[in-house]
C-alpha cells in the first residue's frame, strides 16, 4: 500500500516537493485485483460489520487473507525448508522472507473500511474520483518522474491492476518495468538485491542531481 499512499499524496498535494516517485507492486485498477475483488464483493462482504466488530483489523486476519490466495504455499514452503535445511544460503533467504512476511501489525479499521468502499468497490483512484481530507486526488497533476515497477508473478497485486499506473499520471518522464518475482520477493527476496534495487538506484541517480 505504500505505493498507493505515495500516489495519493502526490496527487492531493501536487505542490509538495516530490522530486521523483517510485511505486513498486502498486495496484490502481481494482477491477484487475482477481480473487481479492471477488471476495470483497459488497453483495457478500459486509465491511461495516467487520470494522464495527473488531475495530483495527488483527494482523492474523490480514495475513490469512493473503495466504488464502494460494492456500498451499505456506505448507509447501515448510517442505522446501526441510528438504534444503543444510543449505545455509537457502535457509538465510527463507528466514529473511519469513520474518518480513510475519511481522505484521494491526491495520487501522477506518482505513480498511475506506479502502474497501472507495478503492475496491468504487475504484475511485482509477476513475479520478478519490478525495482525502477534502482534497481531490488528481493523479494527472503529478508531473515528477515516475517509475512503476511490477512483479511478473504477483498474485496479490496482479499485472492487470498495476499496469495502468503510468497512464494515470501527467508526468512526461515515466517508465514501466516488469521484473521476475512475486509481490514480496520483488522487494524483499534475496534476488531483489540484484534486480530491483540496482534498477531503482540507477533510475533515481539519473534524476536526483
Foldseek 3Di string as FASTA:
>chain_A
DVLVVVLQVCQLCVVDPDQEHEAELDFQQLVPQPPVLVVLPVVPHDLVVVCVVPFFAAQVVVLVVVCVLPVCPVVVLVVVCVVPVVPVVVVVQSVQLVVVSPPGGTHGSVVVVCCSPCCSPVSCSVVQNDDDPNTGRQQQSHAHAYEQEYECAENRRDCVRRVCSVVRYNYPHYYYHYYYDYRCCCCRGPCVVVPVPVVVCVVCVVRPD
